[in-house]
Amino acid sequence: MTPEFVIGFAKQAIELTLLISLPMLGVGLAVGVVVSVLQAATQIQEMTLTFVPKILSIFVALLLAFPWIMDKMINYTREVFINLPNYIR
């Protein structure tokens, strides 16, 4: 194993992690901005008003994106196991 291989392998794993987390983070960001705008417009400064919609929307996004996430994770794991003999050399 060369240092370039290890760096490339870690880079690929980090990219996959970021790609998988993107739907939930994007939904959380969008809902947070909408709730913040509504709070600023109505002058309601309740902390649970920001927390509950974000949690619910992230949960729904996770449920909707779960098949895609599992497909990405299974493909990555399959590639790692298939290429394991090449990695050991």
N, C-alpha and C. Protein backbone atom coordinates (compact mmCIF):
# COMPACT_ATOMS: atom_id res chain seq x y z
N MET A 1 0.84 -1.18 0.00
CA MET A 1 0.00 0.00 0.00
C MET A 1 0.88 1.24 0.00
N THR A 2 0.62 2.06 -0.94
CA THR A 2 1.38 3.31 -1.04
C THR A 2 0.62 4.42 -0.33
N PRO A 3 1.32 5.47 0.04
CA PRO A 3 0.62 6.61 0.66
C PRO A 3 -0.44 7.23 -0.26
N GLU A 4 -0.18 7.22 -1.56
CA GLU A 4 -1.16 7.75 -2.51
C GLU A 4 -2.45 6.94 -2.51
N PHE A 5 -2.29 5.60 -2.40
CA PHE A 5 -3.46 4.74 -2.35
C PHE A 5 -4.29 5.00 -1.09
N VAL A 6 -3.63 5.12 0.03
CA VAL A 6 -4.33 5.35 1.30
C VAL A 6 -5.06 6.69 1.26
N ILE A 7 -4.40 7.71 0.73
CA ILE A 7 -5.03 9.03 0.62
C ILE A 7 -6.23 8.96 -0.32
N GLY A 8 -6.08 8.28 -1.44
CA GLY A 8 -7.20 8.14 -2.39
C GLY A 8 -8.36 7.36 -1.80
N PHE A 9 -8.05 6.31 -1.04
CA PHE A 9 -9.08 5.50 -0.39
C PHE A 9 -9.83 6.32 0.65
N ALA A 10 -9.10 7.09 1.46
CA ALA A 10 -9.73 7.95 2.47
C ALA A 10 -10.55 9.05 1.81
N LYS A 11 -10.03 9.60 0.71
CA LYS A 11 -10.76 10.65 -0.01
C LYS A 11 -12.08 10.12 -0.55
N GLN A 12 -12.05 8.92 -1.09
CA GLN A 12 -13.27 8.31 -1.62
C GLN A 12 -14.29 8.07 -0.50
N ALA A 13 -13.84 7.63 0.66
CA ALA A 13 -14.73 7.38 1.79
C ALA A 13 -15.34 8.69 2.30
N ILE A 14 -14.54 9.73 2.37
CA ILE A 14 -15.04 11.03 2.84
C ILE A 14 -16.03 11.61 1.84
N GLU A 15 -15.74 11.48 0.54
CA GLU A 15 -16.67 11.97 -0.48
C GLU A 15 -18.01 11.24 -0.40
N LEU A 16 -17.98 9.94 -0.18
CA LEU A 16 -19.21 9.17 -0.05
C LEU A 16 -19.99 9.61 1.19
N THR A 17 -19.30 9.85 2.28
CA THR A 17 -19.95 10.31 3.51
C THR A 17 -20.63 11.65 3.30
N LEU A 18 -19.95 12.57 2.64
CA LEU A 18 -20.55 13.87 2.37
C LEU A 18 -21.72 13.76 1.42
N LEU A 19 -21.60 12.93 0.40
CA LEU A 19 -22.69 12.74 -0.56
C LEU A 19 -23.92 12.15 0.11
N ILE A 20 -23.71 11.21 1.01
CA ILE A 20 -24.83 10.57 1.71
C ILE A 20 -25.51 11.53 2.66
N SER A 21 -24.75 12.40 3.30
CA SER A 21 -25.34 13.32 4.29
C SER A 21 -25.96 14.55 3.64
N LEU A 22 -25.69 14.78 2.38
CA LEU A 22 -26.16 15.99 1.71
C LEU A 22 -27.68 16.18 1.71
N PRO A 23 -28.50 15.16 1.44
CA PRO A 23 -29.96 15.40 1.46
C PRO A 23 -30.48 15.88 2.81
N MET A 24 -30.02 15.26 3.89
CA MET A 24 -30.51 15.66 5.22
C MET A 24 -30.00 17.05 5.60
N LEU A 25 -28.76 17.34 5.28
CA LEU A 25 -28.21 18.66 5.60
C LEU A 25 -28.90 19.75 4.79
N GLY A 26 -29.17 19.47 3.54
CA GLY A 26 -29.85 20.46 2.69
C GLY A 26 -31.26 20.75 3.16
N VAL A 27 -31.99 19.71 3.52
CA VAL A 27 -33.35 19.89 4.02
C VAL A 27 -33.32 20.65 5.34
N GLY A 28 -32.40 20.29 6.22
CA GLY A 28 -32.29 20.99 7.50
C GLY A 28 -31.96 22.46 7.31
N LEU A 29 -31.09 22.76 6.36
CA LEU A 29 -30.75 24.15 6.07
C LEU A 29 -31.95 24.92 5.54
N ALA A 30 -32.65 24.32 4.58
CA ALA A 30 -33.80 25.00 3.99
C ALA A 30 -34.90 25.25 5.02
N VAL A 31 -35.21 24.26 5.82
CA VAL A 31 -36.25 24.42 6.84
C VAL A 31 -35.80 25.43 7.89
N GLY A 32 -34.54 25.41 8.26
CA GLY A 32 -34.03 26.38 9.22
C GLY A 32 -34.15 27.81 8.73
N VAL A 33 -33.84 28.04 7.46
CA VAL A 33 -33.95 29.39 6.90
C VAL A 33 -35.41 29.83 6.86
N VAL A 34 -36.30 28.94 6.44
CA VAL A 34 -37.73 29.29 6.37
C VAL A 34 -38.26 29.61 7.76
N VAL A 35 -37.93 28.80 8.74
CA VAL A 35 -38.41 29.05 10.10
C VAL A 35 -37.82 30.33 10.65
N SER A 36 -36.56 30.60 10.36
CA SER A 36 -35.93 31.84 10.83
C SER A 36 -36.59 33.07 10.23
N VAL A 37 -36.93 33.00 8.95
CA VAL A 37 -37.61 34.11 8.30
C VAL A 37 -38.99 34.32 8.93
N LEU A 38 -39.70 33.23 9.17
CA LEU A 38 -41.01 33.34 9.82
C LEU A 38 -40.90 33.91 11.23
N GLN A 39 -39.87 33.49 11.96
CA GLN A 39 -39.66 34.03 13.31
C GLN A 39 -39.34 35.51 13.26
N ALA A 40 -38.53 35.91 12.31
CA ALA A 40 -38.19 37.33 12.19
C ALA A 40 -39.40 38.15 11.79
N ALA A 41 -40.26 37.59 10.95
CA ALA A 41 -41.43 38.33 10.49
C ALA A 41 -42.49 38.46 11.58
N THR A 42 -42.61 37.42 12.39
CA THR A 42 -43.65 37.43 13.43
C THR A 42 -43.12 37.81 14.80
N GLN A 43 -41.84 37.93 14.95
CA GLN A 43 -41.17 38.26 16.22
C GLN A 43 -41.46 37.24 17.30
N ILE A 44 -41.66 35.99 16.92
CA ILE A 44 -41.81 34.90 17.88
C ILE A 44 -40.42 34.27 18.04
N GLN A 45 -39.88 34.31 19.23
CA GLN A 45 -38.53 33.79 19.48
C GLN A 45 -38.59 32.57 20.39
N GLU A 46 -39.24 31.54 19.92
CA GLU A 46 -39.36 30.30 20.68
C GLU A 46 -38.36 29.28 20.13
N MET A 47 -37.52 28.70 21.00
CA MET A 47 -36.48 27.79 20.56
C MET A 47 -37.05 26.48 20.00
N THR A 48 -38.13 26.00 20.59
CA THR A 48 -38.70 24.74 20.09
C THR A 48 -39.31 24.92 18.71
N LEU A 49 -39.65 26.13 18.34
CA LEU A 49 -40.20 26.39 17.02
C LEU A 49 -39.17 26.12 15.92
N THR A 50 -37.91 26.28 16.23
CA THR A 50 -36.88 25.96 15.23
C THR A 50 -36.46 24.49 15.30
N PHE A 51 -36.49 23.92 16.46
CA PHE A 51 -35.99 22.56 16.65
C PHE A 51 -36.93 21.50 16.08
N VAL A 52 -38.20 21.57 16.40
CA VAL A 52 -39.15 20.53 16.01
C VAL A 52 -39.32 20.42 14.50
N PRO A 53 -39.53 21.52 13.75
CA PRO A 53 -39.67 21.36 12.29
C PRO A 53 -38.41 20.81 11.63
N LYS A 54 -37.25 21.20 12.13
CA LYS A 54 -36.00 20.69 11.54
C LYS A 54 -35.88 19.19 11.77
N ILE A 55 -36.14 18.74 12.99
CA ILE A 55 -36.04 17.31 13.30
C ILE A 55 -37.02 16.51 12.45
N LEU A 56 -38.26 16.97 12.36
CA LEU A 56 -39.25 16.25 11.57
C LEU A 56 -38.90 16.23 10.08
N SER A 57 -38.44 17.35 9.55
CA SER A 57 -38.11 17.40 8.13
C SER A 57 -36.88 16.56 7.80
N ILE A 58 -35.90 16.55 8.69
CA ILE A 58 -34.71 15.72 8.46
C ILE A 58 -35.08 14.24 8.53
N PHE A 59 -35.98 13.89 9.44
CA PHE A 59 -36.44 12.51 9.53
C PHE A 59 -37.16 12.09 8.25
N VAL A 60 -38.02 12.95 7.72
CA VAL A 60 -38.73 12.64 6.47
C VAL A 60 -37.74 12.54 5.31
N ALA A 61 -36.76 13.43 5.27
CA ALA A 61 -35.74 13.37 4.21
C ALA A 61 -34.94 12.08 4.31
N LEU A 62 -34.64 11.65 5.53
CA LEU A 62 -33.92 10.39 5.71
C LEU A 62 -34.76 9.22 5.22
N LEU A 63 -36.04 9.22 5.53
CA LEU A 63 -36.92 8.14 5.06
C LEU A 63 -37.00 8.11 3.53
N LEU A 64 -37.07 9.28 2.92
CA LEU A 64 -37.17 9.34 1.46
C LEU A 64 -35.85 8.98 0.77
N ALA A 65 -34.74 9.37 1.38
CA ALA A 65 -33.43 9.14 0.76
C ALA A 65 -32.81 7.80 1.17
N PHE A 66 -33.45 7.09 2.06
CA PHE A 66 -32.85 5.86 2.58
C PHE A 66 -32.54 4.82 1.51
N PRO A 67 -33.44 4.55 0.55
CA PRO A 67 -33.07 3.57 -0.49
C PRO A 67 -31.83 3.98 -1.30
N TRP A 68 -31.75 5.26 -1.63
CA TRP A 68 -30.60 5.76 -2.37
C TRP A 68 -29.32 5.65 -1.53
N ILE A 69 -29.42 6.00 -0.26
CA ILE A 69 -28.27 5.92 0.64
C ILE A 69 -27.78 4.48 0.76
N MET A 70 -28.72 3.55 0.95
CA MET A 70 -28.33 2.14 1.07
C MET A 70 -27.71 1.63 -0.22
N ASP A 71 -28.21 2.06 -1.36
CA ASP A 71 -27.63 1.66 -2.63
C ASP A 71 -26.18 2.13 -2.74
N LYS A 72 -25.94 3.39 -2.38
CA LYS A 72 -24.58 3.93 -2.42
C LYS A 72 -23.65 3.17 -1.46
N MET A 73 -24.13 2.92 -0.26
CA MET A 73 -23.30 2.22 0.74
C MET A 73 -23.02 0.78 0.33
N ILE A 74 -24.02 0.10 -0.21
CA ILE A 74 -23.84 -1.29 -0.63
C ILE A 74 -22.86 -1.36 -1.80
N ASN A 75 -22.98 -0.45 -2.77
CA ASN A 75 -22.05 -0.44 -3.90
C ASN A 75 -20.62 -0.17 -3.44
N TYR A 76 -20.45 0.78 -2.52
CA TYR A 76 -19.11 1.09 -2.02
C TYR A 76 -18.52 -0.11 -1.28
N THR A 77 -19.32 -0.72 -0.41
CA THR A 77 -18.84 -1.87 0.35
C THR A 77 -18.53 -3.04 -0.57
N ARG A 78 -19.36 -3.25 -1.59
CA ARG A 78 -19.11 -4.32 -2.55
C ARG A 78 -17.79 -4.08 -3.28
N GLU A 79 -17.55 -2.85 -3.69
CA GLU A 79 -16.29 -2.54 -4.38
C GLU A 79 -15.08 -2.76 -3.48
N VAL A 80 -15.22 -2.41 -2.22
CA VAL A 80 -14.11 -2.63 -1.28
C VAL A 80 -13.82 -4.11 -1.13
N PHE A 81 -14.88 -4.92 -0.95
CA PHE A 81 -14.67 -6.36 -0.77
C PHE A 81 -14.16 -7.03 -2.04
N ILE A 82 -14.64 -6.60 -3.19
CA ILE A 82 -14.17 -7.19 -4.44
C ILE A 82 -12.70 -6.86 -4.68
N ASN A 83 -12.29 -5.64 -4.36
CA ASN A 83 -10.91 -5.22 -4.60
C ASN A 83 -9.98 -5.48 -3.43
N LEU A 84 -10.46 -6.13 -2.38
CA LEU A 84 -9.63 -6.38 -1.21
C LEU A 84 -8.34 -7.13 -1.54
N PRO A 85 -8.36 -8.16 -2.39
CA PRO A 85 -7.09 -8.81 -2.74
C PRO A 85 -6.10 -7.86 -3.42
N ASN A 86 -6.61 -6.92 -4.20
CA ASN A 86 -5.72 -5.94 -4.85
C ASN A 86 -5.15 -4.97 -3.84
N TYR A 87 -5.91 -4.66 -2.80
CA TYR A 87 -5.43 -3.73 -1.77
C TYR A 87 -4.31 -4.34 -0.94
N ILE A 88 -4.37 -5.63 -0.72
CA ILE A 88 -3.39 -6.30 0.14
C ILE A 88 -2.03 -6.37 -0.54
N ARG A 89 -1.99 -6.49 -1.85
CA ARG A 89 -0.71 -6.61 -2.57
C ARG A 89 0.18 -5.44 -2.37
